[in-house]
């Protein structure tokens, strides 16, 4: 065996080993830090992505909320339009029903010879025909009270032949005494008589009878009535004879 020469610090190593500090050995400390750096970077990227995603979602929610608010406003406006259209539909339905009713029972104005106003002086009267199959709507205003009698043709003939012996009571117009006391013999049916300065009266007995006339004159003696008639008739034929015609 050889001994090393003095002063030479050569150390022999066993075969297959390297001197301490020889190139090729790695540091355990530096090799352990690398995974933690990668993890930190990944976590930072995830955090940044999460913040961005949350910001996008928040902005999107805000936009959708605003759009929903506008949609609600439009819906409310449409509801107003729909309600208005429904009201218009109801009005049109009512007008249509009235038109259908009017077509079945039309109402027309009559008595236009007064020209809007006519006078009935003391001792005078006005007489007009009442059409059969119609409801007669007597409506007028007058400067003084006016009596209106619905008489049959025979009763009217009796009125025109009222004897001088028939005397009115107090300030009553003699024609009133002749109509009530002489023609109707003191029995005046309420459906055949009306009186006043403002009258709205419906006469129905001509709906099934062609025998009636209307006679009008001032209620009191010595007065002149300035009459403003607004008379109309509605087609309404009765299913059976009425009034005088129902007496046989």
Protein backbone atom coordinates (compact mmCIF):
# COMPACT_ATOMS: atom_id res chain seq x y z
CA UNK A 1 0.00 0.00 0.00
CA UNK A 2 1.26 3.40 -0.87
CA UNK A 3 1.17 6.28 1.63
CA UNK A 4 0.48 9.73 0.44
CA UNK A 5 3.33 12.04 0.09
CA UNK A 6 3.72 14.57 2.78
CA UNK A 7 2.08 17.96 2.03
CA UNK A 8 -0.29 16.65 -0.53
CA UNK A 9 -3.79 16.67 0.81
CA UNK A 10 -5.33 14.19 -1.59
CA UNK A 11 -8.12 12.20 -0.24
CA UNK A 12 -9.06 9.08 -2.02
CA UNK A 13 -12.71 8.34 -2.24
CA UNK A 14 -14.39 5.14 -2.63
CA UNK A 15 -15.35 4.19 -6.15
CA UNK A 16 -18.77 5.60 -7.15
CA UNK A 17 -18.69 8.57 -4.76
CA UNK A 18 -18.03 12.26 -5.34
CA UNK A 19 -16.28 14.77 -3.15
CA UNK A 20 -18.48 16.91 -0.94
CA UNK A 21 -19.43 20.15 -2.75
CA UNK A 22 -18.86 18.56 -6.17
CA UNK A 23 -20.89 19.82 -9.07
CA UNK A 24 -24.05 17.79 -9.71
CA UNK A 25 -25.49 17.89 -6.21
CA UNK A 26 -28.79 20.02 -5.84
CA UNK A 27 -29.82 22.08 -2.85
CA UNK A 28 -32.79 20.64 -0.95
CA UNK A 29 -33.92 24.18 0.11
CA UNK A 30 -34.21 25.64 -3.42
CA UNK A 31 -36.01 22.60 -4.78
CA UNK A 32 -38.80 22.91 -2.07
CA UNK A 33 -39.82 26.54 -2.83
CA UNK A 34 -40.91 26.07 -6.47
CA UNK A 35 -44.33 24.40 -5.86
CA UNK A 36 -45.40 27.13 -3.44
CA UNK A 37 -44.65 29.90 -5.94
CA UNK A 38 -46.73 28.16 -8.62
CA UNK A 39 -49.59 27.70 -6.16
CA UNK A 40 -49.48 31.39 -5.18
CA UNK A 41 -49.55 32.46 -8.82
CA UNK A 42 -52.51 30.19 -9.56
CA UNK A 43 -54.40 31.49 -6.52
CA UNK A 44 -53.71 35.09 -7.58
CA UNK A 45 -54.98 34.37 -11.09
CA UNK A 46 -58.08 32.70 -9.67
CA UNK A 47 -58.71 35.69 -7.40
CA UNK A 48 -58.32 38.14 -10.28
CA UNK A 49 -60.63 36.02 -12.45
CA UNK A 50 -63.20 35.80 -9.65
CA UNK A 51 -63.14 39.57 -9.15
CA UNK A 52 -63.55 40.14 -12.87
CA UNK A 53 -66.37 37.60 -13.06
CA UNK A 54 -68.15 39.16 -10.09
CA UNK A 55 -67.77 42.63 -11.60
CA UNK A 56 -69.20 41.37 -14.90
CA UNK A 57 -72.08 39.62 -13.15
CA UNK A 58 -72.83 42.69 -11.03
CA UNK A 59 -72.86 44.91 -14.12
CA UNK A 60 -75.07 42.38 -15.91
CA UNK A 61 -77.51 42.22 -12.98
CA UNK A 62 -77.65 46.02 -12.90
CA UNK A 63 -78.40 46.15 -16.61
CA UNK A 64 -81.06 43.44 -16.33
CA UNK A 65 -82.62 45.22 -13.36
CA UNK A 66 -82.79 48.45 -15.35
CA UNK A 67 -84.27 46.63 -18.35
CA UNK A 68 -86.81 44.94 -16.07
CA UNK A 69 -87.79 48.35 -14.67
CA UNK A 70 -88.33 49.70 -18.19
CA UNK A 71 -90.31 46.58 -19.09
CA UNK A 72 -92.54 47.10 -16.03
CA UNK A 73 -93.13 50.71 -17.07
CA UNK A 74 -94.10 49.58 -20.57
CA UNK A 75 -96.40 46.89 -19.15
CA UNK A 76 -98.09 49.47 -16.91
CA UNK A 77 -98.57 51.77 -19.91
CA UNK A 78 -100.00 48.88 -21.94
CA UNK A 79 -102.35 48.04 -19.08
CA UNK A 80 -103.65 51.62 -19.18
CA UNK A 81 -104.20 51.31 -22.93
CA UNK A 82 -105.95 47.97 -22.49
CA UNK A 83 -108.21 49.41 -19.78
CA UNK A 84 -109.09 52.35 -22.02
CA UNK A 85 -109.83 49.99 -24.90
CA UNK A 86 -111.99 47.84 -22.61
CA UNK A 87 -113.97 50.93 -21.58
CA UNK A 88 -114.36 51.93 -25.21
CA UNK A 89 -115.52 48.39 -26.01
CA UNK A 90 -118.13 48.57 -23.24
CA UNK A 91 -119.32 51.93 -24.56
CA UNK A 92 -119.54 50.59 -28.10
CA UNK A 93 -121.38 47.48 -26.87
CA UNK A 94 -123.90 49.71 -25.08
CA UNK A 95 -124.33 51.86 -28.19
CA UNK A 96 -124.77 48.74 -30.31
CA UNK A 97 -127.40 47.34 -27.95
CA UNK A 98 -129.23 50.67 -27.98
CA UNK A 99 -129.04 50.78 -31.78
CA UNK A 100 -130.42 47.25 -31.97
CA UNK A 101 -133.20 48.18 -29.56
CA UNK A 102 -133.95 51.36 -31.51
CA UNK A 103 -134.08 49.35 -34.72
CA UNK A 104 -136.75 47.14 -33.18
CA UNK A 105 -138.61 50.04 -31.55
CA UNK A 106 -137.66 53.33 -33.28
CA UNK A 107 -138.57 56.65 -31.67
CA UNK A 108 -139.37 59.65 -33.90
CA UNK A 109 -140.43 63.23 -33.31
CA UNK A 110 -143.92 64.37 -34.30
CA UNK A 111 -146.06 67.54 -34.06
CA UNK A 112 -143.78 69.91 -35.94
CA UNK A 113 -146.49 72.32 -37.10
CA UNK A 114 -145.91 74.62 -34.09
CA UNK A 115 -142.45 75.54 -35.32
CA UNK A 116 -141.12 75.25 -31.76
CA UNK A 117 -143.88 77.23 -30.05
CA UNK A 118 -147.62 77.69 -30.37
CA UNK A 119 -150.27 79.64 -28.50
CA UNK A 120 -153.56 78.33 -27.16
CA UNK A 121 -155.85 81.23 -26.31
CA UNK A 122 -158.94 81.46 -24.02
CA UNK A 123 -161.72 79.17 -25.22
CA UNK A 124 -159.42 77.55 -27.81
CA UNK A 125 -157.82 74.11 -27.90
CA UNK A 126 -155.44 72.05 -30.00
CA UNK A 127 -156.23 68.55 -31.17
CA UNK A 128 -153.99 65.94 -32.77
CA UNK A 129 -154.12 62.31 -33.79
CA UNK A 130 -152.42 59.56 -31.81
CA UNK A 131 -150.93 56.88 -34.10
CA UNK A 132 -151.80 53.30 -33.31
CA UNK A 133 -149.11 50.64 -32.59
CA UNK A 134 -147.04 53.42 -30.99
CA UNK A 135 -146.34 54.63 -27.46
CA UNK A 136 -147.13 58.37 -27.42
CA UNK A 137 -144.59 60.45 -25.47
CA UNK A 138 -146.20 63.76 -24.56
CA UNK A 139 -143.61 66.26 -23.38
CA UNK A 140 -143.99 70.04 -23.25
CA UNK A 141 -143.36 73.21 -21.29
CA UNK A 142 -145.90 76.02 -21.09
CA UNK A 143 -146.22 79.55 -19.75
CA UNK A 144 -149.38 78.49 -17.85
CA UNK A 145 -150.84 75.16 -16.82
CA UNK A 146 -152.29 73.12 -19.69
CA UNK A 147 -154.72 70.17 -19.53
CA UNK A 148 -154.22 67.27 -21.94
CA UNK A 149 -156.97 64.68 -22.48
CA UNK A 150 -156.68 61.52 -24.60
CA UNK A 151 -160.17 60.99 -26.03
CA UNK A 152 -161.62 58.53 -28.48
CA UNK A 153 -163.06 59.81 -31.74
CA UNK A 154 -166.59 59.43 -30.35
CA UNK A 155 -165.64 61.26 -27.15
CA UNK A 156 -164.11 64.10 -29.13
CA UNK A 157 -167.35 64.45 -31.10
CA UNK A 158 -169.20 64.63 -27.79
CA UNK A 159 -166.77 67.34 -26.59
CA UNK A 160 -167.49 69.52 -29.61
CA UNK A 161 -171.18 69.29 -28.78
CA UNK A 162 -170.83 70.22 -25.13
CA UNK A 163 -174.14 71.91 -24.10
CA UNK A 164 -174.21 75.38 -22.60
CA UNK A 165 -175.64 73.92 -19.43
CA UNK A 166 -172.20 72.52 -18.50
CA UNK A 167 -170.62 75.08 -16.19
CA UNK A 168 -167.00 75.15 -14.96
CA UNK A 169 -166.13 75.21 -11.25
CA UNK A 170 -164.56 78.50 -10.17
CA UNK A 171 -161.82 79.65 -12.53
CA UNK A 172 -161.76 76.37 -14.44
CA UNK A 173 -161.71 76.49 -18.22
CA UNK A 174 -165.12 75.47 -19.51
CA UNK A 175 -163.43 73.01 -21.87
CA UNK A 176 -162.10 71.20 -18.83
CA UNK A 177 -165.59 70.88 -17.42
CA UNK A 178 -166.87 69.62 -20.78
CA UNK A 179 -164.08 67.00 -21.01
CA UNK A 180 -164.22 65.76 -17.44
CA UNK A 181 -167.83 66.21 -16.44
CA UNK A 182 -169.65 65.95 -19.77
CA UNK A 183 -167.56 63.61 -21.94
CA UNK A 184 -166.02 61.35 -19.29
CA UNK A 185 -168.95 61.77 -16.89
CA UNK A 186 -166.72 62.70 -13.96
CA UNK A 187 -164.63 59.52 -14.29
CA UNK A 188 -161.23 60.61 -15.61
CA UNK A 189 -158.80 57.65 -15.98
CA UNK A 190 -155.28 58.65 -14.89
CA UNK A 191 -153.79 56.97 -17.98
CA UNK A 192 -155.78 59.37 -20.18
CA UNK A 193 -155.14 62.73 -18.52
CA UNK A 194 -152.21 64.94 -17.51
CA UNK A 195 -151.79 68.61 -16.61
CA UNK A 196 -149.12 71.18 -15.73
CA UNK A 197 -146.57 73.64 -17.04
CA UNK A 198 -143.88 70.95 -17.43
CA UNK A 199 -145.26 67.63 -18.57
CA UNK A 200 -143.63 64.31 -19.49
CA UNK A 201 -146.33 61.68 -19.95
CA UNK A 202 -146.47 58.36 -21.82
CA UNK A 203 -149.76 57.21 -23.33
CA UNK A 204 -150.00 53.47 -24.03
CA UNK A 205 -153.61 52.78 -24.98
CA UNK A 206 -152.99 53.43 -28.69
CA UNK A 207 -150.45 50.61 -28.86
CA UNK A 208 -153.27 48.30 -29.83
CA UNK A 209 -155.99 50.76 -30.86
CA UNK A 210 -156.45 53.42 -33.59
CA UNK A 211 -159.24 55.37 -31.89
CA UNK A 212 -157.50 58.14 -29.92
CA UNK A 213 -156.95 61.88 -30.23
CA UNK A 214 -155.21 64.30 -27.88
CA UNK A 215 -156.96 67.54 -26.90
CA UNK A 216 -155.02 70.33 -25.10
CA UNK A 217 -156.14 73.70 -23.65
CA UNK A 218 -155.25 76.07 -20.75
CA UNK A 219 -156.34 74.77 -17.37
CA UNK A 220 -157.76 78.09 -16.17
CA UNK A 221 -160.34 80.28 -17.89
CA UNK A 222 -159.22 83.43 -19.70
CA UNK A 223 -155.56 82.40 -20.05
CA UNK A 224 -153.33 82.02 -23.10
CA UNK A 225 -150.74 79.25 -23.02
CA UNK A 226 -147.45 79.63 -24.86
CA UNK A 227 -146.75 75.98 -25.49
CA UNK A 228 -143.39 74.44 -26.44
CA UNK A 229 -144.07 70.82 -27.43
CA UNK A 230 -141.48 68.04 -27.65
CA UNK A 231 -143.64 65.11 -28.70
CA UNK A 232 -142.41 61.76 -30.01
CA UNK A 233 -143.69 58.23 -30.59
CA UNK A 234 -142.00 54.82 -30.21
CA UNK A 235 -143.02 51.83 -32.28
CA UNK A 236 -144.42 49.35 -29.79
CA UNK A 237 -147.35 47.36 -31.16
CA UNK A 238 -149.42 45.55 -28.55
CA UNK A 239 -150.00 41.82 -28.85
CA UNK A 240 -153.75 42.35 -28.27
CA UNK A 241 -156.32 45.19 -28.56
CA UNK A 242 -155.90 47.95 -25.95
CA UNK A 243 -158.03 50.71 -24.45
CA UNK A 244 -161.27 51.41 -26.29
CA UNK A 245 -160.56 48.65 -28.81
CA UNK A 246 -160.38 46.04 -26.04
CA UNK A 247 -163.97 46.89 -24.96
CA UNK A 248 -165.40 44.92 -27.90
